[in-house]
């Protein structure tokens, strides 16, 4: 089942666009990893790595990714990690409250 959920989450993330480029974060290769944890609840763990470590839109893309992933039937919660950004810790804390 996790392979099916993985594909559904990946498809959902194609709706999230880099606001500067207007291209899906999946197409741009910004989604570094998607992992589905099915133990207690179906949690999608998503890692996004912006192309620019100072990208002003990283938080917005992370929030949009969380929102879209949590719309997927069978996903109870999404945890999004932004990697390689100069404000990654603050963004990750804000997104995953």
C-alpha atoms as a PDB file:
ATOM      1  CA  UNK A   1       0.000   0.000   0.000  1.00  0.00           C
ATOM      2  CA  UNK A   2       2.819   2.436   0.714  1.00  0.00           C
ATOM      3  CA  UNK A   3       3.916   2.309  -2.944  1.00  0.00           C
ATOM      4  CA  UNK A   4       0.403   3.337  -3.973  1.00  0.00           C
ATOM      5  CA  UNK A   5       0.366   6.145  -1.388  1.00  0.00           C
ATOM      6  CA  UNK A   6       3.845   7.205  -2.505  1.00  0.00           C
ATOM      7  CA  UNK A   7       2.589   7.639  -6.079  1.00  0.00           C
ATOM      8  CA  UNK A   8      -0.513   9.517  -4.920  1.00  0.00           C
ATOM      9  CA  UNK A   9       1.576  11.905  -2.801  1.00  0.00           C
ATOM     10  CA  UNK A  10       4.030  12.453  -5.653  1.00  0.00           C
ATOM     11  CA  UNK A  11       1.127  13.220  -7.982  1.00  0.00           C
ATOM     12  CA  UNK A  12      -0.329  15.646  -5.424  1.00  0.00           C
ATOM     13  CA  UNK A  13       3.014  17.445  -5.197  1.00  0.00           C
ATOM     14  CA  UNK A  14       2.914  18.133  -8.942  1.00  0.00           C
ATOM     15  CA  UNK A  15       0.240  20.736  -8.069  1.00  0.00           C
ATOM     16  CA  UNK A  16       2.829  22.736  -6.088  1.00  0.00           C
ATOM     17  CA  UNK A  17       4.712  25.138  -8.334  1.00  0.00           C
ATOM     18  CA  UNK A  18       7.849  27.121  -7.718  1.00  0.00           C
ATOM     19  CA  UNK A  19       6.280  30.606  -7.744  1.00  0.00           C
ATOM     20  CA  UNK A  20       9.227  32.133  -9.576  1.00  0.00           C
ATOM     21  CA  UNK A  21       9.412  29.519 -12.315  1.00  0.00           C
ATOM     22  CA  UNK A  22       5.776  28.436 -12.543  1.00  0.00           C
ATOM     23  CA  UNK A  23       6.909  24.812 -12.793  1.00  0.00           C
ATOM     24  CA  UNK A  24       5.993  21.929 -10.485  1.00  0.00           C
ATOM     25  CA  UNK A  25       8.462  21.253  -7.675  1.00  0.00           C
ATOM     26  CA  UNK A  26       8.426  17.611  -8.805  1.00  0.00           C
ATOM     27  CA  UNK A  27       9.361  18.524 -12.389  1.00  0.00           C
ATOM     28  CA  UNK A  28      12.089  20.858 -11.129  1.00  0.00           C
ATOM     29  CA  UNK A  29      13.597  18.067  -9.033  1.00  0.00           C
ATOM     30  CA  UNK A  30      13.113  19.947  -5.757  1.00  0.00           C
ATOM     31  CA  UNK A  31      11.413  16.969  -4.106  1.00  0.00           C
ATOM     32  CA  UNK A  32      14.400  15.054  -2.804  1.00  0.00           C
ATOM     33  CA  UNK A  33      12.517  12.287  -0.990  1.00  0.00           C
ATOM     34  CA  UNK A  34       9.043  10.986  -0.195  1.00  0.00           C
ATOM     35  CA  UNK A  35       8.655   8.344   2.468  1.00  0.00           C
ATOM     36  CA  UNK A  36       5.387   6.850   3.712  1.00  0.00           C
ATOM     37  CA  UNK A  37       5.290   5.704   7.329  1.00  0.00           C
ATOM     38  CA  UNK A  38       2.357   3.393   7.926  1.00  0.00           C
ATOM     39  CA  UNK A  39       3.014   2.196  11.476  1.00  0.00           C
ATOM     40  CA  UNK A  40       0.676   4.260  13.667  1.00  0.00           C
ATOM     41  CA  UNK A  41      -0.867   6.594  11.129  1.00  0.00           C
ATOM     42  CA  UNK A  42      -0.124   7.147   7.482  1.00  0.00           C
ATOM     43  CA  UNK A  43       2.476   9.888   7.563  1.00  0.00           C
ATOM     44  CA  UNK A  44       4.080  11.256   4.409  1.00  0.00           C
ATOM     45  CA  UNK A  45       7.614  12.488   5.097  1.00  0.00           C
ATOM     46  CA  UNK A  46       8.678  14.817   2.307  1.00  0.00           C
ATOM     47  CA  UNK A  47      12.061  16.450   1.802  1.00  0.00           C
ATOM     48  CA  UNK A  48      12.334  19.508  -0.424  1.00  0.00           C
ATOM     49  CA  UNK A  49      15.658  21.022  -1.424  1.00  0.00           C
ATOM     50  CA  UNK A  50      15.371  24.439  -3.086  1.00  0.00           C
ATOM     51  CA  UNK A  51      17.853  25.270  -5.824  1.00  0.00           C
ATOM     52  CA  UNK A  52      18.877  28.444  -3.986  1.00  0.00           C
ATOM     53  CA  UNK A  53      19.817  28.276  -0.261  1.00  0.00           C
ATOM     54  CA  UNK A  54      18.255  31.726   0.182  1.00  0.00           C
ATOM     55  CA  UNK A  55      15.081  31.039  -1.807  1.00  0.00           C
ATOM     56  CA  UNK A  56      12.396  33.405  -0.544  1.00  0.00           C
ATOM     57  CA  UNK A  57       9.632  30.973  -1.532  1.00  0.00           C
ATOM     58  CA  UNK A  58      10.885  27.884   0.319  1.00  0.00           C
ATOM     59  CA  UNK A  59       8.401  28.265   3.180  1.00  0.00           C
ATOM     60  CA  UNK A  60       5.490  28.768   0.810  1.00  0.00           C
ATOM     61  CA  UNK A  61       6.433  25.709  -1.252  1.00  0.00           C
ATOM     62  CA  UNK A  62       6.810  23.631   1.925  1.00  0.00           C
ATOM     63  CA  UNK A  63       3.400  24.732   3.251  1.00  0.00           C
ATOM     64  CA  UNK A  64       1.775  24.063  -0.122  1.00  0.00           C
ATOM     65  CA  UNK A  65       3.431  20.619  -0.262  1.00  0.00           C
ATOM     66  CA  UNK A  66       2.116  19.788   3.223  1.00  0.00           C
ATOM     67  CA  UNK A  67      -1.398  20.952   2.290  1.00  0.00           C
ATOM     68  CA  UNK A  68      -1.487  18.961  -0.973  1.00  0.00           C
ATOM     69  CA  UNK A  69      -0.038  15.800   0.607  1.00  0.00           C
ATOM     70  CA  UNK A  70      -2.599  15.907   3.415  1.00  0.00           C
ATOM     71  CA  UNK A  71      -5.406  16.035   0.831  1.00  0.00           C
ATOM     72  CA  UNK A  72      -4.386  12.560  -0.393  1.00  0.00           C
ATOM     73  CA  UNK A  73      -6.847   9.899   0.712  1.00  0.00           C
ATOM     74  CA  UNK A  74      -5.027   7.573   3.085  1.00  0.00           C
ATOM     75  CA  UNK A  75      -2.549  10.185   4.341  1.00  0.00           C
ATOM     76  CA  UNK A  76      -3.308  11.376   7.860  1.00  0.00           C
ATOM     77  CA  UNK A  77      -0.394  13.767   8.227  1.00  0.00           C
ATOM     78  CA  UNK A  78       2.473  15.191   6.186  1.00  0.00           C
ATOM     79  CA  UNK A  79       5.824  16.268   7.579  1.00  0.00           C
ATOM     80  CA  UNK A  80       7.835  18.456   5.242  1.00  0.00           C
ATOM     81  CA  UNK A  81      11.541  19.067   5.684  1.00  0.00           C
ATOM     82  CA  UNK A  82      13.316  21.798   3.773  1.00  0.00           C
ATOM     83  CA  UNK A  83      16.987  20.901   3.316  1.00  0.00           C
ATOM     84  CA  UNK A  84      19.905  23.032   2.218  1.00  0.00           C
ATOM     85  CA  UNK A  85      18.267  26.372   2.987  1.00  0.00           C
ATOM     86  CA  UNK A  86      19.865  28.992   5.217  1.00  0.00           C
ATOM     87  CA  UNK A  87      16.646  29.217   7.257  1.00  0.00           C
ATOM     88  CA  UNK A  88      15.755  25.519   7.127  1.00  0.00           C
ATOM     89  CA  UNK A  89      15.323  25.086  10.896  1.00  0.00           C
ATOM     90  CA  UNK A  90      12.890  27.996  11.203  1.00  0.00           C
ATOM     91  CA  UNK A  91      10.953  26.961   8.094  1.00  0.00           C
ATOM     92  CA  UNK A  92      10.701  23.329   9.214  1.00  0.00           C
ATOM     93  CA  UNK A  93       9.476  24.341  12.671  1.00  0.00           C
ATOM     94  CA  UNK A  94       6.852  26.674  11.211  1.00  0.00           C
ATOM     95  CA  UNK A  95       5.588  24.210   8.608  1.00  0.00           C
ATOM     96  CA  UNK A  96       5.337  21.232  10.950  1.00  0.00           C
ATOM     97  CA  UNK A  97       3.632  22.876  13.961  1.00  0.00           C
END
